[in-house]
PDB file of N, CA and C in Angstrom:
ATOM      1  N   MET A   1     -50.554 -42.522  63.560  1.00  0.00           N
ATOM      2  CA  MET A   1     -51.897 -43.069  63.660  1.00  0.00           C
ATOM      3  C   MET A   1     -52.137 -43.560  65.081  1.00  0.00           C
ATOM      4  N   SER A   2     -53.269 -43.235  65.637  1.00  0.00           N
ATOM      5  CA  SER A   2     -53.598 -43.593  67.003  1.00  0.00           C
ATOM      6  C   SER A   2     -54.292 -44.951  67.054  1.00  0.00           C
ATOM      7  N   ASP A   3     -54.167 -45.616  68.195  1.00  0.00           N
ATOM      8  CA  ASP A   3     -54.847 -46.890  68.391  1.00  0.00           C
ATOM      9  C   ASP A   3     -56.218 -46.709  69.042  1.00  0.00           C
ATOM     10  N   ILE A   4     -56.661 -45.467  69.219  1.00  0.00           N
ATOM     11  CA  ILE A   4     -57.970 -45.199  69.821  1.00  0.00           C
ATOM     12  C   ILE A   4     -59.041 -45.415  68.762  1.00  0.00           C
ATOM     13  N   ASN A   5     -60.040 -46.236  69.077  1.00  0.00           N
ATOM     14  CA  ASN A   5     -61.115 -46.455  68.096  1.00  0.00           C
ATOM     15  C   ASN A   5     -62.263 -45.483  68.334  1.00  0.00           C
ATOM     16  N   LEU A   6     -63.206 -45.465  67.412  1.00  0.00           N
ATOM     17  CA  LEU A   6     -64.301 -44.496  67.444  1.00  0.00           C
ATOM     18  C   LEU A   6     -65.149 -44.618  68.700  1.00  0.00           C
ATOM     19  N   LEU A   7     -65.403 -45.833  69.167  1.00  0.00           N
ATOM     20  CA  LEU A   7     -66.224 -45.986  70.364  1.00  0.00           C
ATOM     21  C   LEU A   7     -65.523 -45.425  71.592  1.00  0.00           C
ATOM     22  N   GLU A   8     -64.194 -45.547  71.661  1.00  0.00           N
ATOM     23  CA  GLU A   8     -63.451 -44.945  72.761  1.00  0.00           C
ATOM     24  C   GLU A   8     -63.527 -43.433  72.681  1.00  0.00           C
ATOM     25  N   VAL A   9     -63.408 -42.864  71.496  1.00  0.00           N
ATOM     26  CA  VAL A   9     -63.523 -41.421  71.328  1.00  0.00           C
ATOM     27  C   VAL A   9     -64.914 -40.962  71.743  1.00  0.00           C
ATOM     28  N   THR A  10     -65.924 -41.737  71.385  1.00  0.00           N
ATOM     29  CA  THR A  10     -67.301 -41.401  71.749  1.00  0.00           C
ATOM     30  C   THR A  10     -67.455 -41.289  73.257  1.00  0.00           C
ATOM     31  N   SER A  11     -66.870 -42.216  73.996  1.00  0.00           N
ATOM     32  CA  SER A  11     -67.008 -42.179  75.449  1.00  0.00           C
ATOM     33  C   SER A  11     -66.258 -41.009  76.062  1.00  0.00           C
ATOM     34  N   LEU A  12     -65.272 -40.479  75.368  1.00  0.00           N
ATOM     35  CA  LEU A  12     -64.498 -39.345  75.869  1.00  0.00           C
ATOM     36  C   LEU A  12     -65.088 -38.006  75.464  1.00  0.00           C
ATOM     37  N   ASN A  13     -65.980 -37.995  74.489  1.00  0.00           N
ATOM     38  CA  ASN A  13     -66.466 -36.758  73.916  1.00  0.00           C
ATOM     39  C   ASN A  13     -67.994 -36.783  73.869  1.00  0.00           C
ATOM     40  N   SER A  14     -68.640 -35.920  74.656  1.00  0.00           N
ATOM     41  CA  SER A  14     -70.103 -35.913  74.699  1.00  0.00           C
ATOM     42  C   SER A  14     -70.726 -35.297  73.450  1.00  0.00           C
ATOM     43  N   ASN A  15     -69.901 -34.813  72.516  1.00  0.00           N
ATOM     44  CA  ASN A  15     -70.411 -34.229  71.278  1.00  0.00           C
ATOM     45  C   ASN A  15     -70.481 -35.245  70.141  1.00  0.00           C
ATOM     46  N   ILE A  16     -70.186 -36.512  70.428  1.00  0.00           N
ATOM     47  CA  ILE A  16     -70.198 -37.557  69.409  1.00  0.00           C
ATOM     48  C   ILE A  16     -70.955 -38.769  69.951  1.00  0.00           C
ATOM     49  N   GLU A  17     -71.796 -39.349  69.102  1.00  0.00           N
ATOM     50  CA  GLU A  17     -72.423 -40.622  69.439  1.00  0.00           C
ATOM     51  C   GLU A  17     -72.525 -41.448  68.165  1.00  0.00           C
ATOM     52  N   CYS A  18     -72.304 -42.755  68.283  1.00  0.00           N
ATOM     53  CA  CYS A  18     -72.428 -43.629  67.115  1.00  0.00           C
ATOM     54  C   CYS A  18     -72.991 -44.969  67.565  1.00  0.00           C
ATOM     55  N   ASN A  19     -73.530 -45.715  66.598  1.00  0.00           N
ATOM     56  CA  ASN A  19     -74.063 -47.034  66.901  1.00  0.00           C
ATOM     57  C   ASN A  19     -74.363 -47.760  65.598  1.00  0.00           C
ATOM     58  N   ASN A  20     -74.751 -49.024  65.737  1.00  0.00           N
ATOM     59  CA  ASN A  20     -75.153 -49.869  64.613  1.00  0.00           C
ATOM     60  C   ASN A  20     -76.592 -50.309  64.832  1.00  0.00           C
ATOM     61  N   VAL A  21     -77.307 -50.517  63.744  1.00  0.00           N
ATOM     62  CA  VAL A  21     -78.684 -50.978  63.805  1.00  0.00           C
ATOM     63  C   VAL A  21     -78.979 -51.749  62.520  1.00  0.00           C
ATOM     64  N   THR A  22     -79.883 -52.717  62.591  1.00  0.00           N
ATOM     65  CA  THR A  22     -80.359 -53.373  61.375  1.00  0.00           C
ATOM     66  C   THR A  22     -81.805 -52.953  61.146  1.00  0.00           C
ATOM     67  N   VAL A  23     -82.171 -52.851  59.881  1.00  0.00           N
ATOM     68  CA  VAL A  23     -83.528 -52.433  59.522  1.00  0.00           C
ATOM     69  C   VAL A  23     -84.056 -53.393  58.473  1.00  0.00           C
ATOM     70  N   GLN A  24     -85.173 -54.046  58.766  1.00  0.00           N
ATOM     71  CA  GLN A  24     -85.798 -54.961  57.812  1.00  0.00           C
ATOM     72  C   GLN A  24     -86.696 -54.170  56.879  1.00  0.00           C
ATOM     73  N   SER A  25     -86.581 -54.453  55.574  1.00  0.00           N
ATOM     74  CA  SER A  25     -87.391 -53.718  54.599  1.00  0.00           C
ATOM     75  C   SER A  25     -87.945 -54.659  53.549  1.00  0.00           C
ATOM     76  N   ALA A  26     -89.221 -54.498  53.264  1.00  0.00           N
ATOM     77  CA  ALA A  26     -89.893 -55.290  52.231  1.00  0.00           C
ATOM     78  C   ALA A  26     -89.636 -54.661  50.866  1.00  0.00           C
ATOM     79  N   PRO A  27     -89.830 -55.422  49.793  1.00  0.00           N
ATOM     80  CA  PRO A  27     -89.617 -54.892  48.448  1.00  0.00           C
ATOM     81  C   PRO A  27     -90.475 -53.655  48.174  1.00  0.00           C
ATOM     82  N   GLY A  28     -89.889 -52.661  47.523  1.00  0.00           N
ATOM     83  CA  GLY A  28     -90.624 -51.478  47.099  1.00  0.00           C
ATOM     84  C   GLY A  28     -91.170 -50.612  48.217  1.00  0.00           C
ATOM     85  N   THR A  29     -90.524 -50.627  49.382  1.00  0.00           N
ATOM     86  CA  THR A  29     -91.019 -49.848  50.515  1.00  0.00           C
ATOM     87  C   THR A  29     -89.980 -48.855  51.026  1.00  0.00           C
ATOM     88  N   ILE A  30     -90.471 -47.923  51.831  1.00  0.00           N
ATOM     89  CA  ILE A  30     -89.611 -47.042  52.621  1.00  0.00           C
ATOM     90  C   ILE A  30     -89.970 -47.298  54.076  1.00  0.00           C
ATOM     91  N   VAL A  31     -88.968 -47.657  54.871  1.00  0.00           N
ATOM     92  CA  VAL A  31     -89.162 -48.002  56.282  1.00  0.00           C
ATOM     93  C   VAL A  31     -88.474 -46.969  57.150  1.00  0.00           C
ATOM     94  N   ASP A  32     -89.135 -46.542  58.222  1.00  0.00           N
ATOM     95  CA  ASP A  32     -88.546 -45.608  59.188  1.00  0.00           C
ATOM     96  C   ASP A  32     -88.077 -46.362  60.425  1.00  0.00           C
ATOM     97  N   LYS A  33     -86.901 -45.992  60.907  1.00  0.00           N
ATOM     98  CA  LYS A  33     -86.359 -46.543  62.164  1.00  0.00           C
ATOM     99  C   LYS A  33     -85.986 -45.360  63.057  1.00  0.00           C
ATOM    100  N   GLU A  34     -86.696 -45.202  64.167  1.00  0.00           N
ATOM    101  CA  GLU A  34     -86.415 -44.100  65.080  1.00  0.00           C
ATOM    102  C   GLU A  34     -85.184 -44.416  65.919  1.00  0.00           C
ATOM    103  N   ILE A  35     -84.300 -43.431  66.029  1.00  0.00           N
ATOM    104  CA  ILE A  35     -83.086 -43.544  66.830  1.00  0.00           C
ATOM    105  C   ILE A  35     -83.161 -42.488  67.927  1.00  0.00           C
ATOM    106  N   THR A  36     -82.943 -42.887  69.165  1.00  0.00           N
ATOM    107  CA  THR A  36     -82.899 -41.962  70.293  1.00  0.00           C
ATOM    108  C   THR A  36     -81.485 -41.965  70.852  1.00  0.00           C
ATOM    109  N   PHE A  37     -80.913 -40.775  71.008  1.00  0.00           N
ATOM    110  CA  PHE A  37     -79.567 -40.673  71.559  1.00  0.00           C
ATOM    111  C   PHE A  37     -79.568 -41.076  73.029  1.00  0.00           C
ATOM    112  N   LYS A  38     -78.472 -41.683  73.491  1.00  0.00           N
ATOM    113  CA  LYS A  38     -78.348 -42.048  74.905  1.00  0.00           C
ATOM    114  C   LYS A  38     -78.426 -40.808  75.784  1.00  0.00           C
ATOM    115  N   THR A  39     -77.776 -39.744  75.332  1.00  0.00           N
ATOM    116  CA  THR A  39     -77.798 -38.456  76.033  1.00  0.00           C
ATOM    117  C   THR A  39     -78.144 -37.380  75.016  1.00  0.00           C
ATOM    118  N   PRO A  40     -79.155 -36.562  75.280  1.00  0.00           N
ATOM    119  CA  PRO A  40     -79.487 -35.493  74.313  1.00  0.00           C
ATOM    120  C   PRO A  40     -78.313 -34.545  74.108  1.00  0.00           C
ATOM    121  N   PHE A  41     -78.183 -34.040  72.901  1.00  0.00           N
ATOM    122  CA  PHE A  41     -77.151 -33.059  72.574  1.00  0.00           C
ATOM    123  C   PHE A  41     -77.626 -31.667  72.979  1.00  0.00           C
ATOM    124  N   ASP A  42     -76.680 -30.739  73.162  1.00  0.00           N
ATOM    125  CA  ASP A  42     -77.026 -29.341  73.459  1.00  0.00           C
ATOM    126  C   ASP A  42     -77.544 -28.617  72.223  1.00  0.00           C
ATOM    127  N   THR A  43     -77.085 -29.038  71.045  1.00  0.00           N
ATOM    128  CA  THR A  43     -77.544 -28.494  69.767  1.00  0.00           C
ATOM    129  C   THR A  43     -77.914 -29.658  68.858  1.00  0.00           C
ATOM    130  N   VAL A  44     -78.634 -29.380  67.787  1.00  0.00           N
ATOM    131  CA  VAL A  44     -78.999 -30.443  66.846  1.00  0.00           C
ATOM    132  C   VAL A  44     -77.727 -30.892  66.121  1.00  0.00           C
ATOM    133  N   PRO A  45     -77.381 -32.181  66.226  1.00  0.00           N
ATOM    134  CA  PRO A  45     -76.140 -32.648  65.619  1.00  0.00           C
ATOM    135  C   PRO A  45     -76.274 -32.915  64.122  1.00  0.00           C
ATOM    136  N   LYS A  46     -75.141 -32.953  63.443  1.00  0.00           N
ATOM    137  CA  LYS A  46     -75.071 -33.469  62.087  1.00  0.00           C
ATOM    138  C   LYS A  46     -75.080 -34.982  62.214  1.00  0.00           C
ATOM    139  N   VAL A  47     -75.765 -35.677  61.305  1.00  0.00           N
ATOM    140  CA  VAL A  47     -75.862 -37.129  61.388  1.00  0.00           C
ATOM    141  C   VAL A  47     -75.504 -37.730  60.038  1.00  0.00           C
ATOM    142  N   ILE A  48     -74.719 -38.793  60.083  1.00  0.00           N
ATOM    143  CA  ILE A  48     -74.320 -39.525  58.884  1.00  0.00           C
ATOM    144  C   ILE A  48     -74.766 -40.974  59.072  1.00  0.00           C
ATOM    145  N   VAL A  49     -75.284 -41.588  58.022  1.00  0.00           N
ATOM    146  CA  VAL A  49     -75.642 -42.995  58.068  1.00  0.00           C
ATOM    147  C   VAL A  49     -75.011 -43.705  56.877  1.00  0.00           C
ATOM    148  N   SER A  50     -74.589 -44.941  57.099  1.00  0.00           N
ATOM    149  CA  SER A  50     -73.961 -45.728  56.037  1.00  0.00           C
ATOM    150  C   SER A  50     -74.454 -47.165  56.107  1.00  0.00           C
ATOM    151  N   ILE A  51     -74.603 -47.775  54.953  1.00  0.00           N
ATOM    152  CA  ILE A  51     -74.993 -49.182  54.870  1.00  0.00           C
ATOM    153  C   ILE A  51     -73.728 -50.017  54.934  1.00  0.00           C
ATOM    154  N   GLU A  52     -73.722 -51.021  55.808  1.00  0.00           N
ATOM    155  CA  GLU A  52     -72.590 -51.934  55.929  1.00  0.00           C
ATOM    156  C   GLU A  52     -72.985 -53.279  55.320  1.00  0.00           C
ATOM    157  N   SER A  53     -72.097 -53.847  54.540  1.00  0.00           N
ATOM    158  CA  SER A  53     -72.384 -55.169  54.000  1.00  0.00           C
ATOM    159  C   SER A  53     -71.141 -55.779  53.397  1.00  0.00           C
ATOM    160  N   ASP A  54     -71.001 -57.073  53.608  1.00  0.00           N
ATOM    161  CA  ASP A  54     -69.956 -57.805  52.914  1.00  0.00           C
ATOM    162  C   ASP A  54     -70.590 -58.803  51.947  1.00  0.00           C
ATOM    163  N   THR A  55     -71.858 -58.563  51.617  1.00  0.00           N
ATOM    164  CA  THR A  55     -72.594 -59.462  50.733  1.00  0.00           C
ATOM    165  C   THR A  55     -72.198 -59.268  49.271  1.00  0.00           C
ATOM    166  N   ALA A  56     -72.369 -60.307  48.504  1.00  0.00           N
ATOM    167  CA  ALA A  56     -72.190 -60.231  47.058  1.00  0.00           C
ATOM    168  C   ALA A  56     -73.547 -60.096  46.367  1.00  0.00           C
ATOM    169  N   ASN A  57     -74.622 -59.963  47.159  1.00  0.00           N
ATOM    170  CA  ASN A  57     -75.980 -59.848  46.641  1.00  0.00           C
ATOM    171  C   ASN A  57     -76.164 -58.450  46.034  1.00  0.00           C
ATOM    172  N   SER A  58     -76.341 -58.395  44.727  1.00  0.00           N
ATOM    173  CA  SER A  58     -76.452 -57.101  44.037  1.00  0.00           C
ATOM    174  C   SER A  58     -77.714 -56.330  44.419  1.00  0.00           C
ATOM    175  N   ASN A  59     -78.693 -56.979  45.028  1.00  0.00           N
ATOM    176  CA  ASN A  59     -79.908 -56.272  45.454  1.00  0.00           C
ATOM    177  C   ASN A  59     -79.616 -55.206  46.497  1.00  0.00           C
ATOM    178  N   TYR A  60     -78.524 -55.370  47.242  1.00  0.00           N
ATOM    179  CA  TYR A  60     -78.176 -54.356  48.238  1.00  0.00           C
ATOM    180  C   TYR A  60     -77.759 -53.045  47.580  1.00  0.00           C
ATOM    181  N   GLY A  61     -77.494 -53.064  46.291  1.00  0.00           N
ATOM    182  CA  GLY A  61     -77.237 -51.837  45.553  1.00  0.00           C
ATOM    183  C   GLY A  61     -78.507 -51.057  45.258  1.00  0.00           C
ATOM    184  N   LYS A  62     -79.656 -51.667  45.560  1.00  0.00           N
ATOM    185  CA  LYS A  62     -80.951 -51.023  45.307  1.00  0.00           C
ATOM    186  C   LYS A  62     -81.605 -50.490  46.578  1.00  0.00           C
ATOM    187  N   ILE A  63     -80.792 -50.298  47.630  1.00  0.00           N
ATOM    188  CA  ILE A  63     -81.322 -49.694  48.850  1.00  0.00           C
ATOM    189  C   ILE A  63     -80.576 -48.391  49.131  1.00  0.00           C
ATOM    190  N   THR A  64     -81.296 -47.477  49.741  1.00  0.00           N
ATOM    191  CA  THR A  64     -80.729 -46.181  50.104  1.00  0.00           C
ATOM    192  C   THR A  64     -81.151 -45.852  51.529  1.00  0.00           C
ATOM    193  N   ALA A  65     -80.183 -45.429  52.330  1.00  0.00           N
ATOM    194  CA  ALA A  65     -80.473 -44.992  53.699  1.00  0.00           C
ATOM    195  C   ALA A  65     -80.267 -43.492  53.783  1.00  0.00           C
ATOM    196  N   PHE A  66     -81.209 -42.800  54.401  1.00  0.00           N
ATOM    197  CA  PHE A  66     -81.059 -41.364  54.570  1.00  0.00           C
ATOM    198  C   PHE A  66     -81.656 -40.931  55.911  1.00  0.00           C
ATOM    199  N   ILE A  67     -81.354 -39.700  56.304  1.00  0.00           N
ATOM    200  CA  ILE A  67     -81.720 -39.165  57.615  1.00  0.00           C
ATOM    201  C   ILE A  67     -82.935 -38.252  57.488  1.00  0.00           C
ATOM    202  N   ASN A  68     -83.818 -38.318  58.497  1.00  0.00           N
ATOM    203  CA  ASN A  68     -84.994 -37.468  58.545  1.00  0.00           C
ATOM    204  C   ASN A  68     -85.230 -37.025  59.995  1.00  0.00           C
ATOM    205  N   ASN A  69     -85.837 -35.875  60.180  1.00  0.00           N
ATOM    206  CA  ASN A  69     -86.275 -35.389  61.505  1.00  0.00           C
ATOM    207  C   ASN A  69     -85.184 -35.365  62.569  1.00  0.00           C
ATOM    208  N   ARG A  70     -84.050 -34.745  62.272  1.00  0.00           N
ATOM    209  CA  ARG A  70     -82.994 -34.613  63.274  1.00  0.00           C
ATOM    210  C   ARG A  70     -83.446 -33.682  64.397  1.00  0.00           C
ATOM    211  N   SER A  71     -83.077 -34.020  65.616  1.00  0.00           N
ATOM    212  CA  SER A  71     -83.345 -33.162  66.767  1.00  0.00           C
ATOM    213  C   SER A  71     -82.228 -33.372  67.794  1.00  0.00           C
ATOM    214  N   LYS A  72     -82.320 -32.680  68.907  1.00  0.00           N
ATOM    215  CA  LYS A  72     -81.320 -32.842  69.971  1.00  0.00           C
ATOM    216  C   LYS A  72     -81.413 -34.218  70.628  1.00  0.00           C
ATOM    217  N   THR A  73     -82.554 -34.871  70.493  1.00  0.00           N
ATOM    218  CA  THR A  73     -82.773 -36.153  71.173  1.00  0.00           C
ATOM    219  C   THR A  73     -82.700 -37.377  70.266  1.00  0.00           C
ATOM    220  N   GLY A  74     -82.676 -37.179  68.954  1.00  0.00           N
ATOM    221  CA  GLY A  74     -82.613 -38.317  68.048  1.00  0.00           C
ATOM    222  C   GLY A  74     -82.908 -37.939  66.612  1.00  0.00           C
ATOM    223  N   PHE A  75     -83.207 -38.946  65.818  1.00  0.00           N
ATOM    224  CA  PHE A  75     -83.485 -38.751  64.401  1.00  0.00           C
ATOM    225  C   PHE A  75     -84.161 -40.004  63.859  1.00  0.00           C
ATOM    226  N   VAL A  76     -84.535 -39.977  62.599  1.00  0.00           N
ATOM    227  CA  VAL A  76     -85.142 -41.132  61.945  1.00  0.00           C
ATOM    228  C   VAL A  76     -84.266 -41.543  60.766  1.00  0.00           C
ATOM    229  N   ILE A  77     -83.958 -42.838  60.699  1.00  0.00           N
ATOM    230  CA  ILE A  77     -83.307 -43.400  59.516  1.00  0.00           C
ATOM    231  C   ILE A  77     -84.434 -43.859  58.602  1.00  0.00           C
ATOM    232  N   ARG A  78     -84.419 -43.418  57.353  1.00  0.00           N
ATOM    233  CA  ARG A  78     -85.383 -43.889  56.351  1.00  0.00           C
ATOM    234  C   ARG A  78     -84.601 -44.797  55.404  1.00  0.00           C
ATOM    235  N   LEU A  79     -85.120 -45.984  55.193  1.00  0.00           N
ATOM    236  CA  LEU A  79     -84.490 -46.958  54.308  1.00  0.00           C
ATOM    237  C   LEU A  79     -85.426 -47.238  53.145  1.00  0.00           C
ATOM    238  N   ALA A  80     -84.991 -46.905  51.942  1.00  0.00           N
ATOM    239  CA  ALA A  80     -85.781 -47.145  50.730  1.00  0.00           C
ATOM    240  C   ALA A  80     -85.255 -48.408  50.060  1.00  0.00           C
ATOM    241  N   ASN A  81     -86.143 -49.356  49.811  1.00  0.00           N
ATOM    242  CA  ASN A  81     -85.784 -50.627  49.195  1.00  0.00           C
ATOM    243  C   ASN A  81     -86.427 -50.693  47.806  1.00  0.00           C
ATOM    244  N   ALA A  82     -85.631 -50.474  46.767  1.00  0.00           N
ATOM    245  CA  ALA A  82     -86.137 -50.510  45.392  1.00  0.00           C
ATOM    246  C   ALA A  82     -85.962 -51.890  44.751  1.00  0.00           C
ATOM    247  N   SER A  83     -85.524 -52.870  45.539  1.00  0.00           N
ATOM    248  CA  SER A  83     -85.335 -54.215  44.991  1.00  0.00           C
ATOM    249  C   SER A  83     -86.652 -54.982  45.040  1.00  0.00           C
ATOM    250  N   GLU A  84     -86.623 -56.200  44.546  1.00  0.00           N
ATOM    251  CA  GLU A  84     -87.790 -57.079  44.567  1.00  0.00           C
ATOM    252  C   GLU A  84     -87.670 -58.122  45.674  1.00  0.00           C
ATOM    253  N   ASN A  85     -86.791 -57.855  46.659  1.00  0.00           N
ATOM    254  CA  ASN A  85     -86.529 -58.815  47.733  1.00  0.00           C
ATOM    255  C   ASN A  85     -86.601 -58.150  49.104  1.00  0.00           C
ATOM    256  N   ASN A  86     -86.902 -58.954  50.115  1.00  0.00           N
ATOM    257  CA  ASN A  86     -86.769 -58.490  51.496  1.00  0.00           C
ATOM    258  C   ASN A  86     -85.295 -58.332  51.793  1.00  0.00           C
ATOM    259  N   LEU A  87     -84.909 -57.192  52.362  1.00  0.00           N
ATOM    260  CA  LEU A  87     -83.510 -56.939  52.696  1.00  0.00           C
ATOM    261  C   LEU A  87     -83.427 -56.441  54.136  1.00  0.00           C
ATOM    262  N   THR A  88     -82.350 -56.823  54.821  1.00  0.00           N
ATOM    263  CA  THR A  88     -82.123 -56.392  56.196  1.00  0.00           C
ATOM    264  C   THR A  88     -80.678 -55.938  56.341  1.00  0.00           C
ATOM    265  N   PRO A  89     -80.376 -54.740  55.855  1.00  0.00           N
ATOM    266  CA  PRO A  89     -78.994 -54.272  55.939  1.00  0.00           C
ATOM    267  C   PRO A  89     -78.617 -53.814  57.349  1.00  0.00           C
ATOM    268  N   ALA A  90     -77.329 -53.934  57.641  1.00  0.00           N
ATOM    269  CA  ALA A  90     -76.778 -53.341  58.852  1.00  0.00           C
ATOM    270  C   ALA A  90     -76.427 -51.891  58.521  1.00  0.00           C
ATOM    271  N   LEU A  91     -76.772 -50.986  59.408  1.00  0.00           N
ATOM    272  CA  LEU A  91     -76.501 -49.566  59.203  1.00  0.00           C
ATOM    273  C   LEU A  91     -75.648 -49.051  60.362  1.00  0.00           C
ATOM    274  N   THR A  92     -74.699 -48.204  60.055  1.00  0.00           N
ATOM    275  CA  THR A  92     -73.916 -47.519  61.082  1.00  0.00           C
ATOM    276  C   THR A  92     -74.232 -46.045  60.989  1.00  0.00           C
ATOM    277  N   TRP A  93     -74.451 -45.400  62.139  1.00  0.00           N
ATOM    278  CA  TRP A  93     -74.713 -43.968  62.135  1.00  0.00           C
ATOM    279  C   TRP A  93     -73.765 -43.262  63.092  1.00  0.00           C
ATOM    280  N   LEU A  94     -73.532 -41.992  62.789  1.00  0.00           N
ATOM    281  CA  LEU A  94     -72.633 -41.152  63.564  1.00  0.00           C
ATOM    282  C   LEU A  94     -73.268 -39.771  63.706  1.00  0.00           C
ATOM    283  N   ALA A  95     -73.398 -39.297  64.936  1.00  0.00           N
ATOM    284  CA  ALA A  95     -73.947 -37.965  65.212  1.00  0.00           C
ATOM    285  C   ALA A  95     -72.851 -37.119  65.854  1.00  0.00           C
ATOM    286  N   ILE A  96     -72.656 -35.909  65.328  1.00  0.00           N
ATOM    287  CA  ILE A  96     -71.620 -35.005  65.829  1.00  0.00           C
ATOM    288  C   ILE A  96     -72.230 -33.618  65.998  1.00  0.00           C
ATOM    289  N   ALA A  97     -72.065 -33.050  67.184  1.00  0.00           N
ATOM    290  CA  ALA A  97     -72.529 -31.692  67.453  1.00  0.00           C
ATOM    291  C   ALA A  97     -71.331 -30.788  67.686  1.00  0.00           C
ATOM    292  N   LYS A  98     -71.530 -29.489  67.467  1.00  0.00           N
ATOM    293  CA  LYS A  98     -70.450 -28.518  67.702  1.00  0.00           C
ATOM    294  C   LYS A  98     -70.247 -28.289  69.181  1.00  0.00           C
TER     295      LYS A  98
END
């Protein structure tokens, strides 16, 4: 197992970019958050997004994050909040191009 972390790999490889972002969402809404890559990719990358949380609040089980409008320069994170509460989850995303 290597001691190199993902951010170090990102700086060594122009085909990978990752970051964290928080998105505030009202109850029963879908919110868009535009993400722009620091450096455009040569091809449209694959993008993965994940919700991060150490909360015990079960309402966070009622949110879904997904990707929309991928391009060489960025993408949109869509966050759907099906709960009855305002939620502000932390999201981590990873973009990888061939």
